[in-house]
């Protein structure tokens, strides 16, 4: 049971780090160029990724 909890925590941490990396990569791209260089779909994808990370952070902070 402890191993399962530890595995869940490691998985959630990995997901958080991965999503954060993807978001930061997108933010750096946008900051270096501009939003106008993005296709119409890309800003919404970045926003969705931010919302996903917020959701994961809130789950982790609640201890789920």
N, C-alpha and C. Protein backbone atom coordinates (compact mmCIF):
# COMPACT_ATOMS: atom_id res chain seq x y z
N UNK A 1 0.82 -1.19 0.00
CA UNK A 1 0.00 0.00 0.00
C UNK A 1 0.87 1.27 0.00
N UNK A 2 1.93 1.23 0.80
CA UNK A 2 2.84 2.38 0.83
C UNK A 2 3.52 2.57 -0.52
N UNK A 3 3.85 1.44 -1.13
CA UNK A 3 4.52 1.51 -2.42
C UNK A 3 3.61 2.15 -3.47
N UNK A 4 2.32 1.84 -3.40
CA UNK A 4 1.37 2.41 -4.34
C UNK A 4 1.26 3.92 -4.13
N UNK A 5 1.21 4.36 -2.88
CA UNK A 5 1.16 5.80 -2.60
C UNK A 5 2.43 6.50 -3.08
N UNK A 6 3.57 5.87 -2.85
CA UNK A 6 4.84 6.44 -3.29
C UNK A 6 4.88 6.52 -4.81
N UNK A 7 4.39 5.49 -5.47
CA UNK A 7 4.36 5.46 -6.93
C UNK A 7 3.43 6.55 -7.46
N UNK A 8 2.28 6.73 -6.84
CA UNK A 8 1.36 7.79 -7.25
C UNK A 8 2.01 9.16 -7.10
N UNK A 9 2.71 9.36 -5.99
CA UNK A 9 3.36 10.65 -5.75
C UNK A 9 4.44 10.90 -6.79
N UNK A 10 5.22 9.89 -7.10
CA UNK A 10 6.27 10.03 -8.11
C UNK A 10 5.65 10.33 -9.47
N UNK A 11 4.57 9.63 -9.79
CA UNK A 11 3.90 9.86 -11.07
C UNK A 11 3.37 11.28 -11.17
N UNK A 12 2.68 11.75 -10.13
CA UNK A 12 2.15 13.11 -10.13
C UNK A 12 3.27 14.14 -10.24
N UNK A 13 4.36 13.90 -9.54
CA UNK A 13 5.49 14.82 -9.61
C UNK A 13 6.06 14.85 -11.03
N UNK A 14 6.17 13.70 -11.65
CA UNK A 14 6.67 13.61 -13.02
C UNK A 14 5.74 14.35 -13.98
N UNK A 15 4.45 14.18 -13.79
CA UNK A 15 3.48 14.87 -14.64
C UNK A 15 3.60 16.38 -14.47
N UNK A 16 3.72 16.83 -13.25
CA UNK A 16 3.83 18.27 -12.98
C UNK A 16 5.08 18.83 -13.63
N UNK A 17 6.19 18.16 -13.45
CA UNK A 17 7.45 18.64 -14.04
C UNK A 17 7.36 18.64 -15.56
N UNK A 18 6.77 17.61 -16.15
CA UNK A 18 6.64 17.54 -17.60
C UNK A 18 5.76 18.65 -18.15
N UNK A 19 4.60 18.85 -17.52
CA UNK A 19 3.70 19.90 -17.99
C UNK A 19 4.31 21.28 -17.81
N UNK A 20 4.99 21.48 -16.69
CA UNK A 20 5.64 22.77 -16.46
C UNK A 20 6.69 23.03 -17.52
N UNK A 21 7.45 22.00 -17.86
CA UNK A 21 8.47 22.15 -18.90
C UNK A 21 7.84 22.51 -20.24
N UNK A 22 6.75 21.85 -20.59
CA UNK A 22 6.07 22.16 -21.85
C UNK A 22 5.52 23.58 -21.86
N UNK A 23 4.94 23.99 -20.74
CA UNK A 23 4.38 25.34 -20.67
C UNK A 23 5.48 26.38 -20.77
N UNK A 24 6.56 26.17 -20.03
CA UNK A 24 7.66 27.13 -20.08
C UNK A 24 8.25 27.21 -21.48
N UNK A 25 8.33 26.09 -22.14
CA UNK A 25 8.83 26.08 -23.50
C UNK A 25 7.94 26.94 -24.40
N UNK A 26 6.63 26.79 -24.27
CA UNK A 26 5.70 27.60 -25.04
C UNK A 26 5.79 29.07 -24.68
N UNK A 27 5.94 29.36 -23.39
CA UNK A 27 6.04 30.76 -22.95
C UNK A 27 7.30 31.41 -23.48
N UNK A 28 8.40 30.68 -23.49
CA UNK A 28 9.65 31.23 -24.01
C UNK A 28 9.49 31.50 -25.50
N UNK A 29 8.86 30.60 -26.21
CA UNK A 29 8.63 30.79 -27.64
C UNK A 29 7.80 32.06 -27.88
N UNK A 30 6.72 32.17 -27.14
CA UNK A 30 5.84 33.32 -27.30
C UNK A 30 6.57 34.60 -26.92
N UNK A 31 7.34 34.56 -25.85
CA UNK A 31 8.06 35.74 -25.40
C UNK A 31 9.12 36.16 -26.42
N UNK A 32 9.77 35.20 -27.05
CA UNK A 32 10.81 35.52 -28.02
C UNK A 32 10.24 36.05 -29.33
N UNK A 33 9.12 35.54 -29.73
CA UNK A 33 8.53 35.99 -30.99
C UNK A 33 7.30 36.84 -30.66
N UNK A 34 6.17 36.27 -30.78
CA UNK A 34 4.95 36.96 -30.36
C UNK A 34 3.78 36.00 -30.55
N UNK A 35 2.65 36.38 -29.96
CA UNK A 35 1.46 35.55 -30.11
C UNK A 35 1.02 35.52 -31.58
N UNK A 36 1.34 36.54 -32.31
CA UNK A 36 0.90 36.59 -33.70
C UNK A 36 1.58 35.52 -34.55
N UNK A 37 2.73 35.00 -34.08
CA UNK A 37 3.42 33.94 -34.81
C UNK A 37 2.76 32.57 -34.60
N UNK A 38 1.89 32.48 -33.61
CA UNK A 38 1.25 31.21 -33.32
C UNK A 38 0.03 31.02 -34.22
N UNK A 39 -0.26 29.76 -34.47
CA UNK A 39 -1.49 29.45 -35.20
C UNK A 39 -2.66 29.74 -34.25
N UNK A 40 -3.86 29.86 -34.75
CA UNK A 40 -5.01 30.14 -33.88
C UNK A 40 -5.22 29.07 -32.79
N UNK A 41 -4.79 27.85 -33.05
CA UNK A 41 -4.99 26.77 -32.08
C UNK A 41 -3.97 26.82 -30.94
N UNK A 42 -2.77 27.29 -31.20
CA UNK A 42 -1.69 27.22 -30.22
C UNK A 42 -1.94 28.02 -28.95
N UNK A 43 -2.45 29.26 -28.99
CA UNK A 43 -2.73 29.96 -27.72
C UNK A 43 -3.72 29.21 -26.84
N UNK A 44 -4.72 28.59 -27.46
CA UNK A 44 -5.69 27.83 -26.66
C UNK A 44 -5.04 26.57 -26.09
N UNK A 45 -4.10 25.98 -26.81
CA UNK A 45 -3.39 24.81 -26.29
C UNK A 45 -2.52 25.19 -25.10
N UNK A 46 -1.87 26.34 -25.17
CA UNK A 46 -1.06 26.80 -24.05
C UNK A 46 -1.94 27.07 -22.85
N UNK A 47 -3.08 27.72 -23.07
CA UNK A 47 -4.01 28.00 -21.97
C UNK A 47 -4.52 26.69 -21.35
N UNK A 48 -4.81 25.70 -22.17
CA UNK A 48 -5.28 24.41 -21.65
C UNK A 48 -4.20 23.73 -20.83
N UNK A 49 -2.96 23.82 -21.28
CA UNK A 49 -1.85 23.23 -20.52
C UNK A 49 -1.70 23.91 -19.17
N UNK A 50 -1.87 25.23 -19.13
CA UNK A 50 -1.79 25.96 -17.86
C UNK A 50 -2.89 25.49 -16.92
N UNK A 51 -4.09 25.34 -17.44
CA UNK A 51 -5.21 24.87 -16.62
C UNK A 51 -4.96 23.44 -16.11
N UNK A 52 -4.38 22.59 -16.95
CA UNK A 52 -4.07 21.22 -16.54
C UNK A 52 -3.08 21.21 -15.39
N UNK A 53 -2.06 22.05 -15.48
CA UNK A 53 -1.06 22.12 -14.41
C UNK A 53 -1.68 22.65 -13.13
N UNK A 54 -2.53 23.65 -13.24
CA UNK A 54 -3.22 24.16 -12.04
C UNK A 54 -4.04 23.07 -11.38
N UNK A 55 -4.72 22.28 -12.19
CA UNK A 55 -5.54 21.19 -11.65
C UNK A 55 -4.67 20.15 -10.93
N UNK A 56 -3.55 19.78 -11.54
CA UNK A 56 -2.65 18.81 -10.91
C UNK A 56 -2.07 19.37 -9.62
N UNK A 57 -1.65 20.64 -9.64
CA UNK A 57 -1.12 21.26 -8.43
C UNK A 57 -2.16 21.27 -7.32
N UNK A 58 -3.41 21.57 -7.65
CA UNK A 58 -4.45 21.60 -6.62
C UNK A 58 -4.71 20.19 -6.07
N UNK A 59 -4.65 19.17 -6.93
CA UNK A 59 -4.82 17.79 -6.47
C UNK A 59 -3.68 17.40 -5.52
N UNK A 60 -2.47 17.73 -5.91
CA UNK A 60 -1.31 17.38 -5.10
C UNK A 60 -1.35 18.12 -3.77
N UNK A 61 -1.73 19.38 -3.79
CA UNK A 61 -1.76 20.16 -2.55
C UNK A 61 -2.84 19.65 -1.61
N UNK A 62 -3.91 19.05 -2.15
CA UNK A 62 -4.95 18.46 -1.31
C UNK A 62 -4.54 17.08 -0.79
N UNK A 63 -3.47 16.55 -1.35
CA UNK A 63 -2.96 15.26 -0.89
C UNK A 63 -3.59 14.05 -1.53
N UNK A 64 -4.21 14.22 -2.68
CA UNK A 64 -4.83 13.09 -3.38
C UNK A 64 -3.80 12.30 -4.14
